[in-house]
N, C-alpha and C. Protein backbone atom coordinates (compact mmCIF):
# COMPACT_ATOMS: atom_id res chain seq x y z
N MET A 1 99.01 112.09 119.06
CA MET A 1 97.50 112.63 118.59
C MET A 1 96.72 113.48 119.08
N LEU A 2 95.99 114.20 118.67
CA LEU A 2 95.06 115.04 118.59
C LEU A 2 93.84 114.74 118.77
N SER A 3 93.01 115.31 119.17
CA SER A 3 91.57 114.98 118.68
C SER A 3 90.86 115.75 119.73
N ALA A 4 89.42 116.03 118.70
CA ALA A 4 88.49 116.74 119.84
C ALA A 4 87.44 116.45 119.53
N HIS A 5 86.22 116.80 120.30
CA HIS A 5 85.28 116.22 120.33
C HIS A 5 84.02 117.56 120.22
N CYS A 6 83.44 117.18 118.88
CA CYS A 6 82.65 117.92 118.09
C CYS A 6 80.92 117.74 118.17
N ALA A 7 79.83 118.33 118.15
CA ALA A 7 78.54 118.41 117.86
C ALA A 7 78.29 117.99 116.80
N SER A 8 77.95 117.57 115.99
CA SER A 8 77.15 117.63 114.82
C SER A 8 75.66 118.11 114.47
N PRO A 9 75.40 118.67 113.42
CA PRO A 9 73.97 119.37 113.08
C PRO A 9 72.52 118.80 114.48
N ASP A 10 72.66 117.17 114.53
CA ASP A 10 71.62 116.42 114.43
C ASP A 10 71.58 116.37 115.92
N GLY A 11 72.67 116.76 117.16
CA GLY A 11 73.03 117.00 118.12
C GLY A 11 73.82 115.35 118.68
N GLY A 12 74.26 114.60 117.58
CA GLY A 12 75.46 113.89 118.19
C GLY A 12 77.17 114.25 118.31
N ILE A 13 77.40 113.56 118.65
CA ILE A 13 79.39 114.07 118.95
C ILE A 13 80.60 112.94 117.88
N PHE A 14 80.97 113.50 117.59
CA PHE A 14 82.02 113.02 116.77
C PHE A 14 83.53 113.29 117.25
N ALA A 15 84.46 112.72 116.69
CA ALA A 15 85.82 112.93 116.92
C ALA A 15 86.29 113.77 116.00
N ILE A 16 87.26 114.59 115.97
CA ILE A 16 87.89 115.30 114.67
C ILE A 16 89.44 114.53 115.05
N ILE A 17 90.30 114.03 114.60
CA ILE A 17 91.44 113.28 115.05
C ILE A 17 92.46 114.28 113.80
N ASP A 18 93.51 114.91 114.66
CA ASP A 18 94.79 115.32 114.07
C ASP A 18 95.69 114.44 113.93
N ARG A 19 96.26 114.32 113.29
CA ARG A 19 97.40 113.51 112.98
C ARG A 19 98.65 113.67 113.06
N MET A 20 99.38 113.12 114.25
CA MET A 20 100.61 113.78 114.50
C MET A 20 101.59 114.19 113.03
N ARG A 21 102.25 115.28 113.70
CA ARG A 21 103.34 115.64 111.86
C ARG A 21 104.58 115.49 112.35
N VAL A 22 104.65 114.49 111.62
CA VAL A 22 106.44 114.36 111.98
C VAL A 22 107.30 114.94 110.74
N VAL A 23 108.51 114.50 111.24
CA VAL A 23 110.23 114.94 110.07
C VAL A 23 111.01 113.38 110.13
N ILE A 24 110.84 112.65 109.36
CA ILE A 24 111.62 111.33 108.94
C ILE A 24 112.74 111.70 108.21
N ASP A 25 114.07 111.34 109.56
CA ASP A 25 115.27 111.69 109.20
C ASP A 25 115.30 110.96 107.94
N THR A 26 116.28 111.07 106.83
CA THR A 26 116.88 110.06 106.21
C THR A 26 117.50 109.00 106.71
N ASN A 27 118.35 109.22 107.80
CA ASN A 27 118.49 107.57 108.15
C ASN A 27 117.51 106.78 108.55
N VAL A 28 116.06 106.90 108.46
CA VAL A 28 115.14 106.33 109.32
C VAL A 28 114.83 105.44 107.65
N PHE A 29 114.36 106.71 107.18
CA PHE A 29 113.93 105.84 105.32
C PHE A 29 114.76 104.92 104.61
N ILE A 30 116.05 105.33 105.06
CA ILE A 30 117.35 104.19 104.35
C ILE A 30 117.21 103.14 105.12
N GLY A 31 117.10 103.18 106.48
CA GLY A 31 117.11 101.71 107.32
C GLY A 31 115.39 100.94 106.51
N ALA A 32 114.18 101.57 106.48
CA ALA A 32 113.13 100.88 106.13
C ALA A 32 113.75 100.42 104.69
N CYS A 33 114.30 100.99 103.79
CA CYS A 33 114.44 100.23 102.70
C CYS A 33 115.44 99.07 102.92
N MET A 34 116.24 99.12 103.69
CA MET A 34 116.91 98.16 104.50
C MET A 34 116.61 96.73 105.12
N GLY A 35 115.51 97.24 105.64
CA GLY A 35 114.56 95.69 106.22
C GLY A 35 114.42 96.59 107.62
N VAL A 36 114.97 97.41 108.09
CA VAL A 36 114.90 97.45 109.46
C VAL A 36 113.59 97.86 110.53
N GLY A 37 113.67 96.69 111.23
CA GLY A 37 112.34 95.93 111.79
C GLY A 37 111.97 97.62 112.01
N ALA A 38 111.93 98.78 113.14
CA ALA A 38 111.27 100.07 113.47
C ALA A 38 111.22 101.06 112.61
N ALA A 39 112.24 101.26 111.63
CA ALA A 39 112.35 102.26 110.97
C ALA A 39 111.05 101.74 109.44
N ARG A 40 111.42 100.58 109.29
CA ARG A 40 110.39 99.83 108.19
C ARG A 40 109.15 100.17 109.19
N THR A 41 108.72 99.98 110.09
CA THR A 41 107.28 99.99 110.46
C THR A 41 106.88 101.64 110.83
N VAL A 42 107.89 102.53 110.86
CA VAL A 42 107.38 104.22 111.37
C VAL A 42 107.53 104.42 109.49
N ILE A 43 108.10 103.76 108.58
CA ILE A 43 107.58 104.46 106.98
C ILE A 43 106.07 103.42 106.58
N GLU A 44 106.12 102.41 107.21
CA GLU A 44 104.87 101.83 107.22
C GLU A 44 103.28 103.01 107.67
N ALA A 45 103.66 103.12 109.18
CA ALA A 45 102.76 104.02 109.67
C ALA A 45 102.61 105.27 108.80
N CYS A 46 103.19 106.20 107.93
CA CYS A 46 103.37 107.59 107.31
C CYS A 46 102.43 106.79 106.04
N LEU A 47 102.72 105.34 105.59
CA LEU A 47 102.08 104.72 104.38
C LEU A 47 100.43 105.03 104.92
N GLN A 48 100.60 104.27 105.83
CA GLN A 48 98.78 104.47 106.35
C GLN A 48 98.19 105.35 106.81
N GLN A 49 99.01 106.58 106.57
CA GLN A 49 98.17 107.64 107.08
C GLN A 49 98.25 107.80 108.13
N ARG A 50 98.62 107.18 109.28
CA ARG A 50 98.77 107.11 110.53
C ARG A 50 99.77 107.87 111.31
N CYS A 51 100.37 109.40 110.53
CA CYS A 51 101.07 110.13 110.76
C CYS A 51 101.20 111.10 109.72
N VAL A 52 101.43 112.24 109.71
CA VAL A 52 101.41 112.69 108.90
C VAL A 52 103.05 113.34 108.44
N PRO A 53 103.99 112.75 107.62
CA PRO A 53 105.41 113.52 107.50
C PRO A 53 105.72 114.61 106.69
N LEU A 54 106.19 115.47 107.15
CA LEU A 54 106.61 116.94 106.35
C LEU A 54 107.69 116.41 105.45
N MET A 55 107.99 117.00 104.20
CA MET A 55 108.82 117.08 103.92
C MET A 55 109.58 118.55 102.98
N GLY A 56 110.78 118.89 102.82
CA GLY A 56 110.81 120.16 102.23
C GLY A 56 112.47 120.65 101.08
N THR A 57 112.30 121.02 100.62
CA THR A 57 113.53 121.25 99.63
C THR A 57 114.85 120.44 100.18
N ALA A 58 115.45 121.11 101.64
CA ALA A 58 116.59 120.43 102.02
C ALA A 58 116.49 118.62 102.18
N LEU A 59 115.32 118.61 102.95
CA LEU A 59 115.32 117.07 103.16
C LEU A 59 115.05 115.95 102.08
N PHE A 60 114.41 116.52 100.75
CA PHE A 60 114.13 116.29 99.70
C PHE A 60 115.65 115.70 99.02
N ALA A 61 116.45 116.73 98.74
CA ALA A 61 117.71 116.47 98.42
C ALA A 61 118.21 115.68 98.90
N GLU A 62 118.26 115.70 100.27
CA GLU A 62 119.24 114.64 100.99
C GLU A 62 119.16 112.99 101.00
N TYR A 63 117.17 113.05 100.95
CA TYR A 63 116.88 111.81 100.53
C TYR A 63 117.24 111.51 99.01
N GLU A 64 117.50 112.16 97.98
CA GLU A 64 117.56 112.08 96.56
C GLU A 64 119.04 111.85 96.49
N ALA A 65 119.98 112.18 97.42
CA ALA A 65 121.31 112.03 97.28
C ALA A 65 121.83 110.69 97.77
N VAL A 66 120.98 110.72 99.09
CA VAL A 66 121.36 108.79 99.73
C VAL A 66 121.45 107.77 98.95
N LEU A 67 120.06 107.95 98.28
CA LEU A 67 119.55 106.71 97.50
C LEU A 67 120.53 106.77 96.50
N GLN A 68 121.62 107.53 95.85
CA GLN A 68 122.27 107.52 94.38
C GLN A 68 123.50 106.67 95.00
N ARG A 69 123.51 106.58 96.81
CA ARG A 69 124.95 106.10 97.06
C ARG A 69 125.02 104.39 97.22
N GLU A 70 125.35 104.15 95.95
CA GLU A 70 124.96 102.61 95.44
C GLU A 70 125.81 101.43 96.64
N ALA A 71 127.07 102.09 97.28
CA ALA A 71 127.72 101.06 98.18
C ALA A 71 126.89 101.03 99.27
N LEU A 72 126.12 101.62 99.88
CA LEU A 72 125.35 102.17 100.89
C LEU A 72 124.67 100.63 100.79
N PHE A 73 123.91 100.62 99.65
CA PHE A 73 122.85 99.43 99.22
C PHE A 73 123.23 98.22 98.72
N ARG A 74 124.27 97.38 99.00
CA ARG A 74 125.15 96.29 98.67
C ARG A 74 124.28 95.63 99.24
N ALA A 75 123.44 95.26 100.43
CA ALA A 75 122.89 94.22 101.06
C ALA A 75 121.78 94.39 101.14
N CYS A 76 121.14 95.78 100.69
CA CYS A 76 119.79 95.61 100.56
C CYS A 76 118.77 94.69 99.77
N ARG A 77 118.00 94.34 100.20
CA ARG A 77 116.65 93.59 99.77
C ARG A 77 116.12 94.17 98.44
N LEU A 78 115.70 96.19 98.49
CA LEU A 78 115.19 96.05 97.43
C LEU A 78 116.54 96.89 96.16
N SER A 79 115.66 96.62 94.79
CA SER A 79 116.49 97.01 94.43
C SER A 79 116.04 98.94 93.80
N ALA A 80 117.28 99.24 93.48
CA ALA A 80 117.76 100.63 92.58
C ALA A 80 116.33 101.23 92.35
N GLY A 81 115.53 100.65 91.25
CA GLY A 81 114.19 100.77 91.25
C GLY A 81 113.38 101.01 92.09
N GLU A 82 113.18 99.84 93.07
CA GLU A 82 112.24 99.74 94.12
C GLU A 82 111.85 100.97 95.04
N ARG A 83 113.66 101.03 95.13
CA ARG A 83 113.81 101.87 96.64
C ARG A 83 113.47 103.45 96.04
N GLU A 84 113.81 103.68 94.52
CA GLU A 84 113.18 105.06 94.36
C GLU A 84 111.16 104.81 94.15
N GLU A 85 110.86 103.54 93.67
CA GLU A 85 109.74 103.71 93.77
C GLU A 85 108.88 104.48 95.69
N LEU A 86 109.60 103.21 96.03
CA LEU A 86 109.16 103.71 97.36
C LEU A 86 109.27 105.15 98.00
N LEU A 87 110.44 105.62 97.79
CA LEU A 87 110.27 107.07 97.84
C LEU A 87 108.76 107.62 97.46
N ASP A 88 108.83 107.75 95.81
CA ASP A 88 107.89 108.25 94.90
C ASP A 88 106.12 108.07 95.88
N ILE A 89 106.00 107.17 96.83
CA ILE A 89 105.34 106.42 96.97
C ILE A 89 105.09 107.87 98.43
N PHE A 90 105.81 107.37 99.91
CA PHE A 90 105.94 108.18 100.57
C PHE A 90 106.28 109.65 100.38
N LEU A 91 106.55 110.28 99.46
CA LEU A 91 106.38 111.50 99.11
C LEU A 91 104.83 112.21 98.51
N ALA A 92 104.43 110.96 98.09
CA ALA A 92 102.99 111.16 98.14
C ALA A 92 102.29 111.20 99.29
N CYS A 93 103.12 110.72 100.49
CA CYS A 93 102.07 110.82 101.63
C CYS A 93 102.56 112.13 102.45
N CYS A 94 103.77 113.19 102.10
CA CYS A 94 104.15 113.99 102.91
C CYS A 94 103.50 114.93 102.59
N GLU A 95 103.45 116.48 103.55
CA GLU A 95 103.31 117.54 103.43
C GLU A 95 104.26 118.41 102.81
N TRP A 96 104.15 118.73 101.63
CA TRP A 96 105.15 119.74 101.59
C TRP A 96 104.84 121.19 102.59
N THR A 97 106.47 121.68 102.87
CA THR A 97 106.83 122.61 104.07
C THR A 97 107.89 123.25 103.59
N ARG A 98 107.13 124.73 103.06
CA ARG A 98 108.36 125.89 102.70
C ARG A 98 108.80 126.09 104.18
N VAL A 99 110.06 126.19 104.09
CA VAL A 99 110.69 126.41 105.29
C VAL A 99 111.93 128.23 104.42
N TYR A 100 110.93 128.99 105.57
CA TYR A 100 111.33 130.78 105.33
C TYR A 100 112.53 131.21 106.04
N TYR A 101 112.81 130.24 107.43
CA TYR A 101 113.75 130.94 108.59
C TYR A 101 114.42 129.76 108.87
N LEU A 102 115.88 130.13 109.01
CA LEU A 102 116.76 129.06 109.49
C LEU A 102 116.82 129.34 110.56
N TRP A 103 117.15 128.18 111.80
CA TRP A 103 117.43 128.71 112.74
C TRP A 103 119.04 128.18 113.25
N ARG A 104 119.99 129.09 113.14
CA ARG A 104 120.84 129.21 112.69
C ARG A 104 122.27 130.05 113.62
N PRO A 105 123.10 129.76 114.73
CA PRO A 105 123.51 128.08 114.95
C PRO A 105 122.38 127.37 115.56
N ASN A 106 122.66 126.05 115.61
CA ASN A 106 121.48 125.32 116.57
C ASN A 106 122.50 123.71 116.67
N LEU A 107 122.48 123.14 116.02
CA LEU A 107 123.30 122.00 116.10
C LEU A 107 124.66 121.95 116.16
N GLN A 108 125.45 121.36 116.35
CA GLN A 108 126.70 120.72 116.18
C GLN A 108 126.59 120.75 114.84
N ASP A 109 126.11 119.57 114.84
CA ASP A 109 126.33 119.08 113.14
C ASP A 109 125.86 119.74 112.24
N GLU A 110 125.79 120.71 111.41
CA GLU A 110 125.02 121.85 110.78
C GLU A 110 124.48 120.96 108.77
N ALA A 111 124.49 120.25 109.11
CA ALA A 111 123.70 118.94 108.15
C ALA A 111 121.92 118.52 108.62
N ASP A 112 122.40 118.49 110.18
CA ASP A 112 121.51 118.53 110.86
C ASP A 112 120.15 119.87 111.19
N ASN A 113 120.38 120.68 110.79
CA ASN A 113 119.71 121.92 111.05
C ASN A 113 118.94 121.84 110.19
N HIS A 114 118.44 121.41 108.88
CA HIS A 114 117.36 121.65 108.56
C HIS A 114 116.09 120.61 108.65
N LEU A 115 116.35 119.98 109.19
CA LEU A 115 115.55 118.81 109.96
C LEU A 115 114.73 120.20 111.10
N VAL A 116 115.31 120.42 111.75
CA VAL A 116 115.10 121.54 112.80
C VAL A 116 113.83 122.46 112.09
N ALA A 117 114.56 123.24 111.10
CA ALA A 117 114.09 124.46 110.57
C ALA A 117 112.57 123.47 109.89
N LEU A 118 112.68 122.60 109.51
CA LEU A 118 111.26 122.00 108.89
C LEU A 118 110.47 121.87 109.81
N ALA A 119 110.92 120.72 111.23
CA ALA A 119 109.74 120.60 111.99
C ALA A 119 109.15 122.12 112.58
N VAL A 120 110.30 122.67 112.94
CA VAL A 120 109.39 124.64 113.81
C VAL A 120 108.75 124.75 112.34
N ALA A 121 108.77 125.27 110.92
CA ALA A 121 108.27 125.70 110.07
C ALA A 121 106.68 124.52 109.45
N GLY A 122 106.81 123.43 109.83
CA GLY A 122 105.25 122.76 109.88
C GLY A 122 104.78 122.28 110.81
N ALA A 123 105.35 122.76 111.95
CA ALA A 123 104.68 122.72 113.51
C ALA A 123 104.63 121.24 113.59
N ALA A 124 105.95 120.72 113.31
CA ALA A 124 105.88 119.02 113.72
C ALA A 124 106.21 118.82 115.41
N HIS A 125 105.30 117.69 115.75
CA HIS A 125 105.42 117.20 117.44
C HIS A 125 106.87 116.50 117.11
N CYS A 126 107.29 116.10 116.03
CA CYS A 126 108.67 115.54 116.29
C CYS A 126 109.58 114.91 115.25
N VAL A 127 110.67 114.89 115.41
CA VAL A 127 111.83 114.55 114.81
C VAL A 127 112.29 112.89 114.62
N VAL A 128 111.76 112.26 113.74
CA VAL A 128 111.88 110.51 113.91
C VAL A 128 113.32 110.53 113.25
N THR A 129 114.06 109.93 114.34
CA THR A 129 116.26 110.01 113.98
C THR A 129 116.52 108.64 114.70
N ARG A 130 117.97 108.35 113.86
CA ARG A 130 118.37 107.43 114.77
C ARG A 130 119.45 107.93 115.53
N ASN A 131 119.91 109.05 115.50
CA ASN A 131 120.91 110.07 115.84
C ASN A 131 120.35 111.28 117.18
N VAL A 132 119.45 110.48 117.75
CA VAL A 132 118.90 111.56 118.53
C VAL A 132 120.07 111.78 119.58
N ARG A 133 121.30 111.23 120.22
CA ARG A 133 122.61 111.99 120.70
C ARG A 133 122.92 113.37 120.05
N ASP A 134 122.49 113.19 118.63
CA ASP A 134 123.46 114.64 118.11
C ASP A 134 122.11 115.55 118.17
N PHE A 135 121.28 115.67 118.89
CA PHE A 135 120.09 116.69 118.90
C PHE A 135 120.41 117.16 120.16
N ARG A 136 120.73 116.39 121.08
CA ARG A 136 120.77 116.61 122.75
C ARG A 136 121.39 118.08 122.45
N ALA A 137 122.87 118.29 122.48
CA ALA A 137 122.64 119.72 122.35
C ALA A 137 122.64 120.98 121.46
N MET A 138 121.03 121.08 121.17
CA MET A 138 120.45 122.04 120.63
C MET A 138 120.93 123.37 121.27
N ASP A 139 121.18 124.39 120.91
CA ASP A 139 121.15 125.66 121.37
C ASP A 139 119.96 126.84 121.65
N LEU A 140 119.29 126.02 121.17
CA LEU A 140 117.30 126.98 120.57
C LEU A 140 116.77 125.18 120.94
N ARG A 141 116.24 125.62 121.84
CA ARG A 141 114.27 124.94 122.05
C ARG A 141 113.28 125.28 121.64
N PHE A 142 113.06 124.25 121.40
CA PHE A 142 111.32 124.74 120.63
C PHE A 142 110.01 123.71 121.33
N PRO A 143 108.98 124.67 121.73
CA PRO A 143 108.52 124.11 122.57
C PRO A 143 107.47 122.80 122.25
N GLY A 144 107.29 122.18 122.65
CA GLY A 144 106.20 120.75 121.64
C GLY A 144 107.14 119.89 120.94
N LEU A 145 108.15 120.15 120.38
CA LEU A 145 108.97 119.78 119.47
C LEU A 145 109.91 118.83 120.19
N ARG A 146 109.84 117.30 119.77
CA ARG A 146 110.99 116.26 120.63
C ARG A 146 111.66 115.86 119.27
N VAL A 147 112.53 115.28 119.53
CA VAL A 147 113.42 114.40 118.98
C VAL A 147 113.68 112.85 119.55
N VAL A 148 113.02 111.73 119.20
CA VAL A 148 112.69 110.40 119.29
C VAL A 148 113.06 109.31 118.11
N ALA A 149 113.98 108.65 118.89
CA ALA A 149 114.58 107.10 118.11
C ALA A 149 112.90 106.30 117.20
N PRO A 150 113.55 105.82 116.25
CA PRO A 150 111.72 105.42 115.67
C PRO A 150 111.26 104.73 116.85
N GLU A 151 111.42 103.47 117.50
CA GLU A 151 111.17 102.95 118.74
C GLU A 151 110.25 103.38 119.61
N ASN A 152 110.72 104.63 119.86
CA ASN A 152 110.07 105.33 120.90
C ASN A 152 109.24 106.02 120.07
N PHE A 153 109.12 106.30 119.10
CA PHE A 153 107.79 107.18 118.03
C PHE A 153 107.11 106.40 117.93
N LEU A 154 107.17 105.12 117.99
CA LEU A 154 106.32 103.70 117.33
C LEU A 154 105.29 103.49 118.73
N GLN A 155 105.79 103.63 119.86
CA GLN A 155 105.18 103.47 120.82
C GLN A 155 104.13 104.60 121.34
N GLU A 156 104.29 106.01 121.11
CA GLU A 156 103.42 106.91 121.40
C GLU A 156 102.68 106.49 119.83
N LEU A 157 102.94 106.30 118.99
CA LEU A 157 101.39 106.12 117.78
C LEU A 157 100.68 105.52 118.60
C-alpha cells in the first residue's frame, strides 16, 4: 500500500492512502465461493475496500463461464443464486479497466495472458492466483508487477 503525507491549509498533516490495485484470478474467486480460507479472506478484503480489484472484459467472461459449471460446485456451501449475488457484489467493488494492448506471447498457458494484460493496463501491484507456478516462465517482465498466492497477498495487505 502506498501513502503520501500532505499538509492541509491549516498547517496540519494528513496521509493520503492509495489502496493496492490487484487482479484476482478466477481460481481465487471460486475458492472463496467454496469457503477456502485464504481465497475467502482475499475476496473479503476486496469487499471491505482494503484493496482495489481490477476487472476487464476477458476476466469477467471467465468468471461468468466458470460460475456456470454446476459440477464444479457440487460441494459448495453457496447456491447458484448466492454465487451470482457474491459476483455482483464483488463487481461493484471492482474498477473496470480497458485493455488496449495484448502482451503476446508471454505465458505458456494462453488462457492466463489476459490476466497479465489486465494487470499492466490497470497498473496493478500484483496478480493474486493459486497458479503462481504458471507465471514463473513469463517471457516478458513488468517492473512492479508481481504474481502472488492468496496467503502471500494477505501477509502484504
